[in-house]
Every structure is written in C-alpha cells, then in structure tokens.
Amino acid sequence: MTIISDALVGLVAVFHLYFLVLEMFLWSKPYGRKTFGLTAERAEATKSLAANQGLYNGFLAAGLIWGLCLGAAGLQIKIFFLVCVIIAGIFGAATANRKILWVQAVPGAVALALVLLAR
C-alpha cells in the first residue's frame, strides 16, 4: 500500500510541476493560452500573476517530493502538503474555475486517503 500511496503522491507532485511550467513559462504562449482559454491580450496582462501562482505550485511539488525523499519519516510532511494541495484546489474551484477541483483537489484527496491508509 505504501508503494501505491507514494506513487500517487509522486503523481500529484508531477502535476504541480506541470502547473508550474504552464503558469510560469507557457502562460502567454499558444499552448498556455489554449489550455487556459485566454486571449493573447489577457494572457499578457496576467502573466506576472500566473508566474506567481506557478511558483506556489512549484513549492507544493517541492514539499511533496521532500516528503517522499524522507521515506517513512516524511509522513507528516506528505500529509501537510497534500492538505495544502486540497485547500488550494477547493479555493481555486470556488474562485476561478470548477475544473480545478477535479484537476488538483481530488487527486490530492485520493493521495491523502491512501497515505493515511498506508501508515
């Protein structure tokens, strides 16, 4: 069970690294604009905000990776960062786009459930 839960925590970390790249580097590029449904003007106007958001996603990924690297000693760190992922996903769904609930909060919640079951 630990292998499965750690694999899912790793997958959530990879998602957040992907979000970092999308928001920090691809936001105003065609792929980023298409992903977020933005016009070139809107993307350019919000580029610095998106980069800031991407950096936060990178911190979430870093925390999850840190917890994974510590093995059994990283349990509390994984729990903390998964809770942060879930809260960020719920807040994003409530304030920006409901799709964020499914892309961020649900995978984080499933990973958290498995981490708690595996301990």
C-alpha atoms as a PDB file:
ATOM      1  CA  MET A   1       0.000   0.000   0.000  1.00  0.00           C
ATOM      2  CA  THR A   2       2.894   2.382   0.749  1.00  0.00           C
ATOM      3  CA  ILE A   3       4.256   1.976  -2.769  1.00  0.00           C
ATOM      4  CA  ILE A   4       0.880   2.853  -4.275  1.00  0.00           C
ATOM      5  CA  SER A   5       0.343   5.841  -1.976  1.00  0.00           C
ATOM      6  CA  ASP A   6       3.861   7.140  -2.645  1.00  0.00           C
ATOM      7  CA  ALA A   7       3.334   6.700  -6.387  1.00  0.00           C
ATOM      8  CA  LEU A   8       0.170   8.781  -6.186  1.00  0.00           C
ATOM      9  CA  VAL A   9       1.929  11.441  -4.083  1.00  0.00           C
ATOM     10  CA  GLY A  10       4.624  11.494  -6.772  1.00  0.00           C
ATOM     11  CA  LEU A  11       1.980  11.880  -9.467  1.00  0.00           C
ATOM     12  CA  VAL A  12       0.427  14.832  -7.616  1.00  0.00           C
ATOM     13  CA  ALA A  13       3.922  16.366  -7.392  1.00  0.00           C
ATOM     14  CA  VAL A  14       4.404  15.882 -11.151  1.00  0.00           C
ATOM     15  CA  PHE A  15       1.028  17.548 -11.805  1.00  0.00           C
ATOM     16  CA  HIS A  16       2.185  20.557  -9.793  1.00  0.00           C
ATOM     17  CA  LEU A  17       5.489  20.731 -11.643  1.00  0.00           C
ATOM     18  CA  TYR A  18       3.447  20.717 -14.861  1.00  0.00           C
ATOM     19  CA  PHE A  19       1.270  23.541 -13.475  1.00  0.00           C
ATOM     20  CA  LEU A  20       4.474  25.452 -12.637  1.00  0.00           C
ATOM     21  CA  VAL A  21       5.700  25.149 -16.235  1.00  0.00           C
ATOM     22  CA  LEU A  22       2.295  26.092 -17.664  1.00  0.00           C
ATOM     23  CA  GLU A  23       1.870  29.136 -15.447  1.00  0.00           C
ATOM     24  CA  MET A  24       5.445  30.411 -15.283  1.00  0.00           C
ATOM     25  CA  PHE A  25       6.715  29.716 -18.786  1.00  0.00           C
ATOM     26  CA  LEU A  26       3.844  28.890 -21.145  1.00  0.00           C
ATOM     27  CA  TRP A  27       1.066  31.215 -19.935  1.00  0.00           C
ATOM     28  CA  SER A  28       1.276  33.638 -22.855  1.00  0.00           C
ATOM     29  CA  LYS A  29       2.432  31.053 -25.419  1.00  0.00           C
ATOM     30  CA  PRO A  30      -0.127  29.400 -27.729  1.00  0.00           C
ATOM     31  CA  TYR A  31      -0.227  26.173 -25.679  1.00  0.00           C
ATOM     32  CA  GLY A  32      -0.744  28.032 -22.406  1.00  0.00           C
ATOM     33  CA  ARG A  33      -3.386  30.330 -23.881  1.00  0.00           C
ATOM     34  CA  LYS A  34      -5.247  27.343 -25.317  1.00  0.00           C
ATOM     35  CA  THR A  35      -5.011  25.415 -22.025  1.00  0.00           C
ATOM     36  CA  PHE A  36      -6.459  28.292 -20.013  1.00  0.00           C
ATOM     37  CA  GLY A  37      -8.735  29.712 -22.726  1.00  0.00           C
ATOM     38  CA  LEU A  38      -7.004  33.092 -22.806  1.00  0.00           C
ATOM     39  CA  THR A  39      -6.683  35.727 -25.479  1.00  0.00           C
ATOM     40  CA  ALA A  40      -3.161  36.965 -26.190  1.00  0.00           C
ATOM     41  CA  GLU A  41      -4.030  40.306 -24.567  1.00  0.00           C
ATOM     42  CA  ARG A  42      -5.470  38.722 -21.395  1.00  0.00           C
ATOM     43  CA  ALA A  43      -2.518  36.357 -21.101  1.00  0.00           C
ATOM     44  CA  GLU A  44      -0.031  39.204 -21.402  1.00  0.00           C
ATOM     45  CA  ALA A  45      -1.936  41.305 -18.845  1.00  0.00           C
ATOM     46  CA  THR A  46      -1.991  38.479 -16.293  1.00  0.00           C
ATOM     47  CA  LYS A  47       1.425  36.972 -16.993  1.00  0.00           C
ATOM     48  CA  SER A  48       3.071  38.066 -13.733  1.00  0.00           C
ATOM     49  CA  LEU A  49       0.099  36.861 -11.667  1.00  0.00           C
ATOM     50  CA  ALA A  50       0.261  33.466 -13.360  1.00  0.00           C
ATOM     51  CA  ALA A  51       4.010  33.228 -12.773  1.00  0.00           C
ATOM     52  CA  ASN A  52       3.451  33.890  -9.074  1.00  0.00           C
ATOM     53  CA  GLN A  53       0.782  31.184  -8.980  1.00  0.00           C
ATOM     54  CA  GLY A  54       3.120  28.804 -10.801  1.00  0.00           C
ATOM     55  CA  LEU A  55       5.808  29.398  -8.214  1.00  0.00           C
ATOM     56  CA  TYR A  56       3.375  28.392  -5.449  1.00  0.00           C
ATOM     57  CA  ASN A  57       2.570  25.205  -7.353  1.00  0.00           C
ATOM     58  CA  GLY A  58       6.293  24.538  -7.504  1.00  0.00           C
ATOM     59  CA  PHE A  59       6.519  24.886  -3.728  1.00  0.00           C
ATOM     60  CA  LEU A  60       3.713  22.338  -3.334  1.00  0.00           C
ATOM     61  CA  ALA A  61       5.584  19.930  -5.625  1.00  0.00           C
ATOM     62  CA  ALA A  62       8.833  20.514  -3.729  1.00  0.00           C
ATOM     63  CA  GLY A  63       7.152  19.760  -0.407  1.00  0.00           C
ATOM     64  CA  LEU A  64       5.647  16.533  -1.720  1.00  0.00           C
ATOM     65  CA  ILE A  65       8.978  15.443  -3.187  1.00  0.00           C
ATOM     66  CA  TRP A  66      10.696  16.300   0.106  1.00  0.00           C
ATOM     67  CA  GLY A  67       8.207  14.108   1.973  1.00  0.00           C
ATOM     68  CA  LEU A  68       8.789  11.261  -0.468  1.00  0.00           C
ATOM     69  CA  CYS A  69      12.575  11.545  -0.159  1.00  0.00           C
ATOM     70  CA  LEU A  70      12.361  11.159   3.618  1.00  0.00           C
ATOM     71  CA  GLY A  71      10.604   7.805   3.320  1.00  0.00           C
ATOM     72  CA  ALA A  72       8.654   6.826   6.459  1.00  0.00           C
ATOM     73  CA  ALA A  73       9.978   9.911   8.256  1.00  0.00           C
ATOM     74  CA  GLY A  74       8.248  12.107   5.668  1.00  0.00           C
ATOM     75  CA  LEU A  75       4.714  11.037   6.563  1.00  0.00           C
ATOM     76  CA  GLN A  76       3.737  14.289   8.287  1.00  0.00           C
ATOM     77  CA  ILE A  77       5.298  16.370   5.521  1.00  0.00           C
ATOM     78  CA  LYS A  78       3.337  14.479   2.857  1.00  0.00           C
ATOM     79  CA  ILE A  79       0.144  14.937   4.859  1.00  0.00           C
ATOM     80  CA  PHE A  80       0.761  18.665   5.324  1.00  0.00           C
ATOM     81  CA  PHE A  81       1.477  19.342   1.652  1.00  0.00           C
ATOM     82  CA  LEU A  82      -1.397  17.177   0.426  1.00  0.00           C
ATOM     83  CA  VAL A  83      -3.755  19.129   2.694  1.00  0.00           C
ATOM     84  CA  CYS A  84      -2.312  22.329   1.185  1.00  0.00           C
ATOM     85  CA  VAL A  85      -2.962  20.935  -2.318  1.00  0.00           C
ATOM     86  CA  ILE A  86      -6.558  20.092  -1.405  1.00  0.00           C
ATOM     87  CA  ILE A  87      -7.234  23.516   0.129  1.00  0.00           C
ATOM     88  CA  ALA A  88      -5.671  25.284  -2.862  1.00  0.00           C
ATOM     89  CA  GLY A  89      -7.791  23.160  -5.205  1.00  0.00           C
ATOM     90  CA  ILE A  90     -11.001  23.904  -3.325  1.00  0.00           C
ATOM     91  CA  PHE A  91     -10.209  27.615  -3.206  1.00  0.00           C
ATOM     92  CA  GLY A  92      -9.316  27.650  -6.905  1.00  0.00           C
ATOM     93  CA  ALA A  93     -12.547  25.858  -7.775  1.00  0.00           C
ATOM     94  CA  ALA A  94     -14.577  28.329  -5.720  1.00  0.00           C
ATOM     95  CA  THR A  95     -12.876  31.453  -7.045  1.00  0.00           C
ATOM     96  CA  ALA A  96     -11.525  30.711 -10.518  1.00  0.00           C
ATOM     97  CA  ASN A  97     -12.702  27.554 -12.281  1.00  0.00           C
ATOM     98  CA  ARG A  98     -14.596  24.492 -11.030  1.00  0.00           C
ATOM     99  CA  LYS A  99     -12.357  22.253 -13.128  1.00  0.00           C
ATOM    100  CA  ILE A 100      -9.568  22.933 -10.603  1.00  0.00           C
ATOM    101  CA  LEU A 101     -11.468  20.810  -8.087  1.00  0.00           C
ATOM    102  CA  TRP A 102     -11.036  17.750 -10.333  1.00  0.00           C
ATOM    103  CA  VAL A 103      -7.515  18.521 -11.515  1.00  0.00           C
ATOM    104  CA  GLN A 104      -5.989  19.493  -8.165  1.00  0.00           C
ATOM    105  CA  ALA A 105      -8.179  18.820  -5.109  1.00  0.00           C
ATOM    106  CA  VAL A 106      -9.487  15.352  -5.995  1.00  0.00           C
ATOM    107  CA  PRO A 107      -6.072  13.823  -6.848  1.00  0.00           C
ATOM    108  CA  GLY A 108      -4.693  15.385  -3.665  1.00  0.00           C
ATOM    109  CA  ALA A 109      -7.566  13.952  -1.605  1.00  0.00           C
ATOM    110  CA  VAL A 110      -7.153  10.483  -3.095  1.00  0.00           C
ATOM    111  CA  ALA A 111      -3.402  10.594  -2.430  1.00  0.00           C
ATOM    112  CA  LEU A 112      -4.036  11.783   1.141  1.00  0.00           C
ATOM    113  CA  ALA A 113      -6.533   8.971   1.745  1.00  0.00           C
ATOM    114  CA  LEU A 114      -4.031   6.388   0.516  1.00  0.00           C
ATOM    115  CA  VAL A 115      -1.200   7.901   2.578  1.00  0.00           C
ATOM    116  CA  LEU A 116      -3.378   7.715   5.689  1.00  0.00           C
ATOM    117  CA  LEU A 117      -4.449   4.140   4.927  1.00  0.00           C
ATOM    118  CA  ALA A 118      -0.846   3.047   4.313  1.00  0.00           C
ATOM    119  CA  ARG A 119       0.523   4.248   7.640  1.00  0.00           C
END
